[in-house]
Amino acid sequence: MDGFGIGDGVTPLSGPMSGVYGTVVWFYEEKHQLLVRFGASQQMYFAGDELKRWGE
């Protein structure tokens, strides 16, 4: 989905988690969203165009 795969390192382009490293852990196909985990306990859904690969 949107060029991202499970296990990819990403960061949101905007919002409170912008610049924070996260890992794609699941795809929500019906809503075309990716579940990204930040650290051990925080996770959020994003559309593919709201993310970029870590380090880009």
N, C-alpha and C. Protein backbone atom coordinates (compact mmCIF):
# COMPACT_ATOMS: atom_id res chain seq x y z
N MET A 1 0.84 -1.18 0.00
CA MET A 1 0.00 0.00 0.00
C MET A 1 0.88 1.24 0.00
N ASP A 2 0.69 2.09 -0.97
CA ASP A 2 1.43 3.35 -1.08
C ASP A 2 2.93 3.18 -1.00
N GLY A 3 3.42 2.01 -1.37
CA GLY A 3 4.85 1.78 -1.37
C GLY A 3 5.45 1.43 -0.01
N PHE A 4 4.62 1.32 1.01
CA PHE A 4 5.10 0.96 2.34
C PHE A 4 4.77 -0.50 2.63
N GLY A 5 5.66 -1.14 3.37
CA GLY A 5 5.43 -2.52 3.77
C GLY A 5 5.52 -2.66 5.27
N ILE A 6 5.00 -3.76 5.78
CA ILE A 6 5.10 -4.03 7.21
C ILE A 6 6.57 -4.10 7.59
N GLY A 7 6.92 -3.39 8.65
CA GLY A 7 8.30 -3.34 9.12
C GLY A 7 9.07 -2.12 8.64
N ASP A 8 8.49 -1.34 7.69
CA ASP A 8 9.17 -0.15 7.19
C ASP A 8 9.24 0.93 8.27
N GLY A 9 10.37 1.62 8.34
CA GLY A 9 10.53 2.77 9.23
C GLY A 9 10.00 4.01 8.55
N VAL A 10 9.11 4.73 9.23
CA VAL A 10 8.46 5.91 8.67
C VAL A 10 8.38 7.02 9.71
N THR A 11 8.00 8.20 9.24
CA THR A 11 7.66 9.31 10.11
C THR A 11 6.51 10.09 9.46
N PRO A 12 5.56 10.59 10.25
CA PRO A 12 4.48 11.41 9.70
C PRO A 12 5.03 12.74 9.17
N LEU A 13 4.37 13.27 8.15
CA LEU A 13 4.78 14.54 7.55
C LEU A 13 4.34 15.74 8.40
N SER A 14 3.29 15.58 9.20
CA SER A 14 2.81 16.69 10.02
C SER A 14 2.16 16.14 11.29
N GLY A 15 1.81 17.03 12.18
CA GLY A 15 1.15 16.64 13.42
C GLY A 15 2.13 16.41 14.56
N PRO A 16 1.61 15.98 15.69
CA PRO A 16 2.45 15.86 16.88
C PRO A 16 3.53 14.78 16.79
N MET A 17 3.38 13.81 15.90
CA MET A 17 4.37 12.75 15.78
C MET A 17 5.34 12.99 14.63
N SER A 18 5.26 14.14 13.99
CA SER A 18 6.17 14.48 12.90
C SER A 18 7.61 14.45 13.40
N GLY A 19 8.46 13.75 12.67
CA GLY A 19 9.86 13.65 13.05
C GLY A 19 10.16 12.53 14.02
N VAL A 20 9.13 11.80 14.43
CA VAL A 20 9.30 10.68 15.37
C VAL A 20 9.33 9.39 14.56
N TYR A 21 10.29 8.52 14.88
CA TYR A 21 10.41 7.24 14.17
C TYR A 21 9.26 6.31 14.54
N GLY A 22 8.66 5.71 13.52
CA GLY A 22 7.61 4.72 13.74
C GLY A 22 7.80 3.56 12.78
N THR A 23 7.15 2.46 13.07
CA THR A 23 7.23 1.25 12.26
C THR A 23 5.83 0.87 11.79
N VAL A 24 5.68 0.61 10.49
CA VAL A 24 4.41 0.14 9.95
C VAL A 24 4.19 -1.28 10.47
N VAL A 25 3.04 -1.50 11.13
CA VAL A 25 2.77 -2.82 11.71
C VAL A 25 1.54 -3.51 11.12
N TRP A 26 0.68 -2.76 10.37
CA TRP A 26 -0.53 -3.39 9.84
C TRP A 26 -1.15 -2.50 8.78
N PHE A 27 -1.88 -3.10 7.84
CA PHE A 27 -2.65 -2.38 6.83
C PHE A 27 -4.13 -2.54 7.12
N TYR A 28 -4.86 -1.44 7.10
CA TYR A 28 -6.31 -1.47 7.21
C TYR A 28 -6.84 -1.27 5.80
N GLU A 29 -7.02 -2.36 5.08
CA GLU A 29 -7.36 -2.31 3.65
C GLU A 29 -8.64 -1.53 3.36
N GLU A 30 -9.69 -1.73 4.16
CA GLU A 30 -10.97 -1.09 3.90
C GLU A 30 -10.88 0.43 3.90
N LYS A 31 -10.05 0.97 4.76
CA LYS A 31 -9.91 2.43 4.87
C LYS A 31 -8.64 2.94 4.22
N HIS A 32 -7.85 2.04 3.64
CA HIS A 32 -6.59 2.40 2.98
C HIS A 32 -5.68 3.18 3.94
N GLN A 33 -5.52 2.63 5.14
CA GLN A 33 -4.68 3.27 6.15
C GLN A 33 -3.63 2.30 6.66
N LEU A 34 -2.56 2.86 7.18
CA LEU A 34 -1.47 2.09 7.76
C LEU A 34 -1.44 2.32 9.27
N LEU A 35 -1.25 1.26 10.03
CA LEU A 35 -1.09 1.40 11.47
C LEU A 35 0.39 1.51 11.75
N VAL A 36 0.78 2.61 12.39
CA VAL A 36 2.19 2.87 12.69
C VAL A 36 2.38 2.86 14.20
N ARG A 37 3.38 2.11 14.66
CA ARG A 37 3.68 2.03 16.09
C ARG A 37 4.88 2.91 16.40
N PHE A 38 4.73 3.72 17.44
CA PHE A 38 5.80 4.59 17.94
C PHE A 38 6.17 4.09 19.33
N GLY A 39 7.38 3.61 19.51
CA GLY A 39 7.78 3.10 20.81
C GLY A 39 7.01 1.84 21.16
N ALA A 40 6.85 1.60 22.46
CA ALA A 40 6.24 0.36 22.91
C ALA A 40 4.72 0.41 23.03
N SER A 41 4.15 1.61 23.18
CA SER A 41 2.72 1.64 23.49
C SER A 41 1.86 2.56 22.63
N GLN A 42 2.43 3.44 21.84
CA GLN A 42 1.65 4.39 21.05
C GLN A 42 1.54 3.91 19.61
N GLN A 43 0.33 3.87 19.07
CA GLN A 43 0.14 3.56 17.66
C GLN A 43 -0.99 4.41 17.10
N MET A 44 -0.87 4.74 15.81
CA MET A 44 -1.84 5.62 15.16
C MET A 44 -2.01 5.17 13.71
N TYR A 45 -3.19 5.47 13.14
CA TYR A 45 -3.46 5.19 11.74
C TYR A 45 -3.14 6.41 10.89
N PHE A 46 -2.57 6.15 9.70
CA PHE A 46 -2.25 7.21 8.75
C PHE A 46 -2.57 6.74 7.34
N ALA A 47 -2.93 7.69 6.47
CA ALA A 47 -2.99 7.41 5.04
C ALA A 47 -1.55 7.42 4.51
N GLY A 48 -1.31 6.72 3.43
CA GLY A 48 0.04 6.64 2.88
C GLY A 48 0.65 7.98 2.53
N ASP A 49 -0.19 8.94 2.10
CA ASP A 49 0.35 10.26 1.72
C ASP A 49 0.65 11.14 2.94
N GLU A 50 0.37 10.65 4.14
CA GLU A 50 0.70 11.38 5.36
C GLU A 50 2.04 10.95 5.96
N LEU A 51 2.71 9.99 5.29
CA LEU A 51 3.96 9.44 5.80
C LEU A 51 5.08 9.58 4.82
N LYS A 52 6.31 9.53 5.32
CA LYS A 52 7.49 9.40 4.47
C LYS A 52 8.42 8.39 5.11
N ARG A 53 9.26 7.79 4.28
CA ARG A 53 10.21 6.83 4.81
C ARG A 53 11.21 7.53 5.73
N TRP A 54 11.60 6.85 6.78
CA TRP A 54 12.57 7.40 7.72
C TRP A 54 13.88 7.65 7.00
N GLY A 55 14.44 8.83 7.18
CA GLY A 55 15.72 9.17 6.59
C GLY A 55 15.64 9.84 5.24
N GLU A 56 14.44 10.01 4.68
CA GLU A 56 14.32 10.68 3.38
C GLU A 56 14.12 12.17 3.57
